Amino acid sequence: MVPFYDAWAQGPHKNTWCIDCHVNAGIPNRFLHKFAALSEVYAEVTTHATYPNYNADVPDRRCLRCHEGVQKKVVGTFDHSVHLSKGLTCAKCHAATGHKVTFAALDAAGVLNKDNAPAGASYVGQELQVSTGTPSVLAGHRKVVCSNCHDHANLSCSFCHTPPIGHFKASCKLCHKPTIAFKDTVFKHPSAGEHSYRSRPCVACHPSGGSKVFCTCHKGNPPRED
């Protein structure tokens, strides 16, 4: 446990007891945990325990004892309540908050389980973090914490952004590019060779709800390309 203790002593929770995060509150729970801890002593004596093993359970209620109200906290455009409603937990995004244990420290202690150390990662929990410049960050999009969990390149823009009324459910990417600021975007129908009516029918962007606009403006004919 030395690598975990050392990392905890250098981390932001160094003034928080281990049992505050790893055992439920209350004297009865902590007394009963003494019997569960005996299995850890047995494993230490009879087996060669290796890490990371990713079996530590840290339910949200233990975090919320100190971080009350965080469920409703909004950081920038990140809304905790939305993510909690999708079943995400505190530990899912904050895996290394309690102790940032490096694989090098585990290896030095002779307890590194190399099979459980994700390729390209250097510490336990890093597999949930994405480094700047990885393919999961859409080229041209500003680097935001969403890229820790979401693959921008494969997400619909509407996952984060609410399209304004009148866009008829058209794909944002048809007109907007991450490399161009929204304020500098001027709408014009895609030209020939990109998405002309020959390769992309008007109804692809103006289905059902937009049929009235299509018929009124174009009188049933495809738009001109000049």
Protein backbone atom coordinates (compact mmCIF):
# COMPACT_ATOMS: atom_id res chain seq x y z
CA MET A 1 0.00 0.00 0.00
CA VAL A 2 3.04 2.29 0.15
CA PRO A 3 2.54 3.75 -3.39
CA PHE A 4 -1.10 4.52 -2.56
CA TYR A 5 -0.23 6.09 0.78
CA ASP A 6 2.55 8.22 -0.70
CA ALA A 7 0.28 9.44 -3.51
CA TRP A 8 -2.51 10.21 -1.01
CA ALA A 9 -0.09 12.18 1.20
CA GLN A 10 0.82 14.39 -1.78
CA GLY A 11 -2.71 14.79 -3.15
CA PRO A 12 -5.61 17.19 -2.52
CA HIS A 13 -7.25 14.75 -0.05
CA LYS A 14 -4.24 14.37 2.24
CA ASN A 15 -6.28 15.74 5.16
CA THR A 16 -9.06 13.22 4.58
CA TRP A 17 -8.85 9.77 6.19
CA CYS A 18 -8.74 6.75 3.88
CA ILE A 19 -11.84 5.30 5.57
CA ASP A 20 -13.83 8.44 4.76
CA CYS A 21 -13.72 7.42 1.09
CA HIS A 22 -13.38 3.64 1.35
CA VAL A 23 -15.81 2.83 4.21
CA ASN A 24 -19.37 3.95 4.84
CA ALA A 25 -19.89 6.48 7.64
CA GLY A 26 -20.83 5.43 11.14
CA ILE A 27 -19.18 3.38 13.90
CA PRO A 28 -21.12 0.15 13.10
CA ASN A 29 -20.00 0.24 9.44
CA ARG A 30 -16.40 0.90 10.38
CA PHE A 31 -16.44 -1.84 13.00
CA LEU A 32 -17.82 -4.38 10.53
CA HIS A 33 -15.21 -3.33 7.99
CA LYS A 34 -12.52 -4.63 10.37
CA PHE A 35 -13.66 -8.15 9.48
CA ALA A 36 -13.56 -7.36 5.77
CA ALA A 37 -10.05 -6.01 6.25
CA LEU A 38 -8.94 -9.38 7.64
CA SER A 39 -9.29 -10.78 4.12
CA GLU A 40 -6.82 -8.15 2.95
CA VAL A 41 -4.35 -9.24 5.62
CA TYR A 42 -4.84 -12.87 4.57
CA ALA A 43 -4.25 -12.00 0.91
CA GLU A 44 -1.12 -10.05 1.81
CA VAL A 45 0.35 -13.01 3.69
CA THR A 46 -0.72 -15.85 1.37
CA THR A 47 -0.68 -14.29 -2.10
CA HIS A 48 1.23 -11.72 -4.10
CA ALA A 49 -1.30 -8.92 -4.55
CA THR A 50 -0.79 -6.72 -7.61
CA TYR A 51 -2.30 -3.44 -8.73
CA PRO A 52 -4.15 -1.80 -10.36
CA ASN A 53 -7.08 -4.16 -9.88
CA TYR A 54 -9.89 -1.58 -10.30
CA ASN A 55 -12.18 -3.17 -7.73
CA ALA A 56 -12.36 -0.30 -5.24
CA ASP A 57 -15.94 0.87 -4.80
CA VAL A 58 -16.38 4.54 -3.90
CA PRO A 59 -20.12 5.38 -4.07
CA ASP A 60 -21.19 8.99 -4.55
CA ARG A 61 -22.68 9.28 -1.06
CA ARG A 62 -19.19 9.21 0.45
CA CYS A 63 -18.04 12.05 -1.79
CA LEU A 64 -21.17 14.10 -1.15
CA ARG A 65 -20.59 14.10 2.61
CA CYS A 66 -17.88 16.71 1.98
CA HIS A 67 -18.95 18.02 -1.42
CA GLU A 68 -22.58 18.73 -0.65
CA GLY A 69 -24.50 20.41 -3.46
CA VAL A 70 -22.04 19.47 -6.18
CA GLN A 71 -24.81 17.57 -7.99
CA LYS A 72 -26.26 20.93 -9.07
CA LYS A 73 -22.95 22.64 -9.72
CA VAL A 74 -22.31 23.97 -13.21
CA VAL A 75 -18.69 24.52 -14.25
CA GLY A 76 -18.58 26.57 -17.43
CA THR A 77 -20.99 24.68 -19.67
CA PHE A 78 -20.56 21.40 -17.77
CA ASP A 79 -23.65 20.52 -15.77
CA HIS A 80 -23.10 17.87 -13.09
CA SER A 81 -26.83 17.15 -12.78
CA VAL A 82 -27.12 16.19 -16.45
CA HIS A 83 -24.26 13.72 -16.20
CA LEU A 84 -25.49 12.26 -12.92
CA SER A 85 -28.88 11.68 -14.56
CA LYS A 86 -27.12 9.54 -17.18
CA GLY A 87 -25.76 7.23 -14.49
CA LEU A 88 -22.24 8.63 -14.23
CA THR A 89 -20.56 8.59 -10.83
CA CYS A 90 -18.07 10.90 -9.15
CA ALA A 91 -15.36 8.24 -9.36
CA LYS A 92 -15.95 7.76 -13.07
CA CYS A 93 -14.61 11.23 -13.86
CA HIS A 94 -12.45 11.79 -10.78
CA ALA A 95 -10.70 8.42 -10.66
CA ALA A 96 -7.32 9.78 -9.55
CA THR A 97 -8.55 12.43 -7.12
CA GLY A 98 -7.88 10.47 -3.93
CA HIS A 99 -4.39 9.37 -4.92
CA LYS A 100 -2.63 9.69 -8.27
CA VAL A 101 -0.70 6.41 -8.17
CA THR A 102 1.81 6.03 -10.98
CA PHE A 103 2.58 2.69 -12.59
CA ALA A 104 6.26 3.47 -12.03
CA ALA A 105 5.66 3.62 -8.25
CA LEU A 106 3.78 0.33 -8.32
CA ASP A 107 6.55 -1.23 -10.40
CA ALA A 108 9.22 0.02 -8.00
CA ALA A 109 7.30 -1.58 -5.12
CA GLY A 110 7.09 -4.85 -7.07
CA VAL A 111 3.28 -4.88 -7.17
CA LEU A 112 2.52 -3.69 -10.71
CA ASN A 113 0.01 -5.75 -12.67
CA LYS A 114 1.20 -4.93 -16.18
CA ASP A 115 -1.81 -6.65 -17.75
CA ASN A 116 -4.09 -4.08 -16.09
CA ALA A 117 -1.96 -1.06 -16.97
CA PRO A 118 -3.53 0.53 -20.10
CA ALA A 119 -1.13 1.21 -22.94
CA GLY A 120 -0.02 4.84 -23.09
CA ALA A 121 -1.10 5.60 -19.52
CA SER A 122 1.29 6.42 -16.68
CA TYR A 123 -1.01 6.42 -13.64
CA VAL A 124 -4.06 4.61 -12.34
CA GLY A 125 -7.23 6.22 -13.70
CA GLN A 126 -5.52 7.95 -16.62
CA GLU A 127 -7.48 5.83 -19.08
CA LEU A 128 -10.38 8.19 -18.34
CA GLN A 129 -8.32 11.22 -19.32
CA VAL A 130 -7.49 12.17 -22.90
CA SER A 131 -4.32 14.07 -23.70
CA THR A 132 -4.46 17.10 -25.98
CA GLY A 133 -3.93 16.14 -29.59
CA THR A 134 -5.44 12.67 -29.48
CA PRO A 135 -7.88 11.62 -32.22
CA SER A 136 -10.82 11.87 -29.82
CA VAL A 137 -10.60 15.67 -29.91
CA LEU A 138 -12.22 17.04 -33.06
CA ALA A 139 -9.68 19.00 -35.09
CA GLY A 140 -10.24 22.73 -34.70
CA HIS A 141 -12.56 22.39 -31.70
CA ARG A 142 -11.41 24.16 -28.55
CA LYS A 143 -10.06 21.77 -25.94
CA VAL A 144 -12.73 21.18 -23.33
CA VAL A 145 -13.09 18.68 -20.53
CA CYS A 146 -15.82 16.86 -22.51
CA SER A 147 -13.07 15.20 -24.54
CA ASN A 148 -12.11 13.22 -21.45
CA CYS A 149 -15.13 11.00 -22.06
CA HIS A 150 -16.69 12.01 -25.37
CA ASP A 151 -15.28 11.36 -28.83
CA HIS A 152 -15.95 14.70 -30.57
CA ALA A 153 -15.30 13.36 -34.05
CA ASN A 154 -18.12 10.82 -33.73
CA LEU A 155 -20.62 12.92 -31.78
CA SER A 156 -23.47 14.88 -33.26
CA CYS A 157 -23.07 18.62 -32.58
CA SER A 158 -26.56 18.64 -31.06
CA PHE A 159 -25.25 16.41 -28.23
CA CYS A 160 -23.84 19.59 -26.67
CA HIS A 161 -25.37 22.41 -28.71
CA THR A 162 -29.08 23.11 -29.14
CA PRO A 163 -29.82 23.92 -32.81
CA PRO A 164 -31.89 27.10 -33.26
CA ILE A 165 -35.45 26.87 -34.51
CA GLY A 166 -35.64 26.81 -38.26
CA HIS A 167 -32.76 24.48 -39.00
CA PHE A 168 -35.12 21.60 -39.80
CA LYS A 169 -32.90 19.01 -38.09
CA ALA A 170 -30.11 19.51 -40.60
CA SER A 171 -26.65 18.32 -39.62
CA CYS A 172 -24.67 21.24 -38.17
CA LYS A 173 -21.52 19.95 -39.85
CA LEU A 174 -22.99 20.64 -43.29
CA CYS A 175 -22.56 24.38 -42.77
CA HIS A 176 -20.46 24.91 -39.65
CA LYS A 177 -16.81 23.99 -39.28
CA PRO A 178 -15.00 23.79 -35.90
CA THR A 179 -12.07 25.72 -37.38
CA ILE A 180 -14.31 28.71 -38.18
CA ALA A 181 -15.80 30.80 -35.38
CA PHE A 182 -19.60 30.67 -35.34
CA LYS A 183 -19.82 34.48 -35.62
CA ASP A 184 -17.83 34.30 -38.86
CA THR A 185 -20.08 31.67 -40.40
CA VAL A 186 -22.34 32.92 -43.19
CA PHE A 187 -24.89 30.45 -44.52
CA LYS A 188 -25.00 29.68 -48.19
CA HIS A 189 -26.18 26.61 -50.01
CA PRO A 190 -23.32 24.17 -50.61
CA SER A 191 -21.87 24.53 -54.07
CA ALA A 192 -21.62 21.94 -56.83
CA GLY A 193 -18.94 19.41 -56.04
CA GLU A 194 -19.67 19.62 -52.33
CA HIS A 195 -23.33 18.91 -51.58
CA SER A 196 -25.24 20.08 -54.63
CA TYR A 197 -28.82 18.99 -55.24
CA ARG A 198 -27.43 16.37 -57.64
CA SER A 199 -25.59 14.56 -54.83
CA ARG A 200 -27.71 15.72 -51.88
CA PRO A 201 -31.43 16.40 -52.43
CA CYS A 202 -32.85 19.52 -50.84
CA VAL A 203 -35.20 17.39 -48.73
CA ALA A 204 -32.15 15.88 -47.03
CA CYS A 205 -31.82 19.16 -45.14
CA HIS A 206 -35.47 20.23 -45.36
CA PRO A 207 -37.50 17.10 -44.59
CA SER A 208 -41.20 17.09 -43.67
CA GLY A 209 -41.27 20.18 -41.45
CA GLY A 210 -39.29 22.12 -44.01
CA SER A 211 -41.34 21.08 -47.02
CA LYS A 212 -43.42 24.26 -46.82
CA VAL A 213 -40.27 26.40 -47.00
CA PHE A 214 -38.87 24.28 -49.80
CA CYS A 215 -42.00 24.51 -51.91
CA THR A 216 -42.55 28.22 -51.24
CA CYS A 217 -39.03 29.36 -52.00
CA HIS A 218 -38.03 26.94 -54.73
CA LYS A 219 -41.46 26.14 -56.19
CA GLY A 220 -40.55 22.49 -56.25
CA ASN A 221 -37.36 23.10 -58.24
CA PRO A 222 -33.79 22.61 -56.97
CA PRO A 223 -31.91 25.83 -56.07
CA ARG A 224 -29.52 27.35 -58.57
CA GLU A 225 -25.83 26.76 -57.94
CA ASP A 226 -24.61 30.21 -58.93
